[in-house]
Amino acid sequence: MRSKNVYTAIGHLGKRPELKATANGTPYARFSVACNYSYKRDGETVQGCDWIPFIAYGKLAEIASKHLDAGSHVSVDAKLKPWKSTSDDTIRYGLDVVATDILFLDPKQASAPEDVAQASPASEVAPPDSDTPF
């Protein structure tokens, strides 16, 4: 049986990710992405914004904290990771949105870092060979 645990959000960061480390030394960074939405209610457009909290680990966390800032436009792929914590006879449940890939959507800077994949407009993509059958 196939399973799938995928989430993607496109939006802008609220503030710069801060790099921290777990107890065993693994780097991590938390950041939130603003996702705007709108819908009609009684003929009027209602607009809102959801703030999606992400956490990134390892090299992805280091890159995010180094190259992202408040307002950065990004597409974040993630997986949902449920957790359970027990303390003082209290059980707490939660859900982390763990980033697996971050695509930087801001226009490419003249001095773009090599370790960051920048989104390129479709106009910069080379056309396929004329011999391609599709």
Protein backbone atom coordinates (compact mmCIF):
# COMPACT_ATOMS: atom_id res chain seq x y z
CA MET A 1 0.00 0.00 0.00
CA ARG A 2 1.30 3.44 -0.92
CA SER A 3 1.50 6.29 1.55
CA LYS A 4 2.16 9.98 1.12
CA ASN A 5 3.04 12.66 3.66
CA VAL A 6 3.65 15.87 1.70
CA TYR A 7 2.86 19.51 2.37
CA THR A 8 3.83 22.54 0.24
CA ALA A 9 3.41 26.20 1.10
CA ILE A 10 4.27 29.30 -0.93
CA GLY A 11 4.50 32.63 0.82
CA HIS A 12 6.71 35.14 2.60
CA LEU A 13 8.74 34.71 5.79
CA GLY A 14 7.67 36.70 8.83
CA LYS A 15 11.19 37.02 10.27
CA ARG A 16 14.71 35.73 9.78
CA PRO A 17 15.20 32.07 10.82
CA GLU A 18 17.45 31.71 13.87
CA LEU A 19 19.91 28.81 13.88
CA LYS A 20 19.99 26.72 17.07
CA ALA A 21 21.18 23.22 17.96
CA THR A 22 19.48 20.23 19.57
CA ALA A 23 20.95 18.59 22.69
CA ASN A 24 22.98 16.24 20.48
CA GLY A 25 24.30 19.11 18.31
CA THR A 26 22.02 18.86 15.25
CA PRO A 27 21.39 22.34 13.81
CA TYR A 28 17.77 23.45 13.41
CA ALA A 29 15.91 26.61 12.49
CA ARG A 30 12.27 27.58 13.00
CA PHE A 31 10.47 30.02 10.71
CA SER A 32 6.90 30.88 9.68
CA VAL A 33 5.53 31.44 6.20
CA ALA A 34 2.53 33.70 5.57
CA CYS A 35 0.01 32.14 3.17
CA ASN A 36 -2.71 34.55 2.01
CA TYR A 37 -6.17 33.38 1.01
CA SER A 38 -9.53 34.81 0.01
CA TYR A 39 -13.08 33.56 -0.43
CA LYS A 40 -16.56 34.96 -1.01
CA ARG A 41 -19.12 35.21 1.80
CA ASP A 42 -22.53 36.70 1.04
CA GLY A 43 -21.14 38.21 -2.16
CA GLU A 44 -18.23 39.96 -0.41
CA THR A 45 -14.59 38.94 -0.65
CA VAL A 46 -13.06 37.96 2.67
CA GLN A 47 -9.26 37.95 2.86
CA GLY A 48 -7.02 36.38 5.46
CA CYS A 49 -3.55 35.07 6.18
CA ASP A 50 -2.44 31.80 7.74
CA TRP A 51 0.99 31.63 9.38
CA ILE A 52 2.47 28.16 8.88
CA PRO A 53 5.26 27.28 11.37
CA PHE A 54 8.13 25.22 9.90
CA ILE A 55 11.24 23.61 11.35
CA ALA A 56 14.29 22.69 9.27
CA TYR A 57 17.17 20.47 10.37
CA GLY A 58 20.81 19.98 9.36
CA LYS A 59 22.24 21.63 6.25
CA LEU A 60 18.80 22.94 5.21
CA ALA A 61 18.55 24.81 8.54
CA GLU A 62 22.01 26.30 8.04
CA ILE A 63 21.17 27.48 4.51
CA ALA A 64 17.82 28.92 5.62
CA SER A 65 19.33 30.87 8.51
CA LYS A 66 22.14 32.17 6.30
CA HIS A 67 20.17 33.22 3.20
CA LEU A 68 16.57 33.95 4.26
CA ASP A 69 15.28 37.13 5.84
CA ALA A 70 11.95 38.66 6.79
CA GLY A 71 9.85 39.00 3.64
CA SER A 72 11.75 36.38 1.63
CA HIS A 73 9.45 34.72 -0.93
CA VAL A 74 9.76 30.93 -0.70
CA SER A 75 8.17 27.62 -1.61
CA VAL A 76 8.63 25.10 1.19
CA ASP A 77 8.10 21.36 0.81
CA ALA A 78 7.59 19.55 4.08
CA LYS A 79 6.34 16.47 5.86
CA LEU A 80 4.06 16.43 8.88
CA LYS A 81 5.62 14.81 11.96
CA PRO A 82 3.34 14.07 14.94
CA TRP A 83 4.88 14.00 18.43
CA LYS A 84 3.87 13.03 21.97
CA SER A 85 5.31 14.35 25.23
CA THR A 86 4.63 13.17 28.77
CA SER A 87 5.46 15.24 31.86
CA ASP A 88 3.82 15.53 35.30
CA ASP A 89 1.19 12.94 34.36
CA THR A 90 0.16 15.16 31.45
CA ILE A 91 0.25 13.91 27.88
CA ARG A 92 0.64 16.50 25.14
CA TYR A 93 0.31 15.87 21.43
CA GLY A 94 1.51 18.08 18.62
CA LEU A 95 2.45 18.23 14.98
CA ASP A 96 5.64 19.66 13.49
CA VAL A 97 5.83 20.78 9.86
CA VAL A 98 9.35 19.61 8.97
CA ALA A 99 10.86 21.33 5.91
CA THR A 100 12.45 18.94 3.42
CA ASP A 101 13.20 21.46 0.64
CA ILE A 102 13.14 25.25 0.29
CA LEU A 103 12.94 26.96 -3.07
CA PHE A 104 13.96 30.62 -3.03
CA LEU A 105 11.51 32.58 -5.20
CA ASP A 106 12.95 36.09 -4.87
CA PRO A 107 14.60 37.43 -8.04
CA LYS A 108 18.13 36.09 -8.47
CA GLN A 109 20.73 38.39 -6.95
CA ALA A 110 23.90 39.30 -8.86
CA SER A 111 26.00 37.59 -6.18
CA ALA A 112 23.78 34.59 -5.48
CA PRO A 113 25.41 32.03 -3.17
CA GLU A 114 26.43 28.74 -4.78
CA ASP A 115 24.76 26.54 -2.14
CA VAL A 116 21.32 28.01 -2.80
CA ALA A 117 19.13 26.95 -5.73
CA GLN A 118 17.36 30.05 -7.04
CA ALA A 119 14.09 29.83 -8.93
CA SER A 120 14.47 30.84 -12.53
CA PRO A 121 11.67 32.32 -14.62
CA ALA A 122 10.24 30.10 -17.35
CA SER A 123 11.62 32.50 -19.95
CA GLU A 124 15.17 31.49 -18.96
CA VAL A 125 14.52 27.79 -19.57
CA ALA A 126 16.04 26.58 -22.83
CA PRO A 127 13.48 25.36 -25.39
CA PRO A 128 13.49 21.61 -26.07
CA ASP A 129 15.29 20.23 -29.10
CA SER A 130 13.15 20.21 -32.24
CA ASP A 131 13.76 16.44 -32.57
CA THR A 132 11.90 15.73 -29.32
CA PRO A 133 8.69 13.83 -30.18
CA PHE A 134 6.54 15.53 -27.52
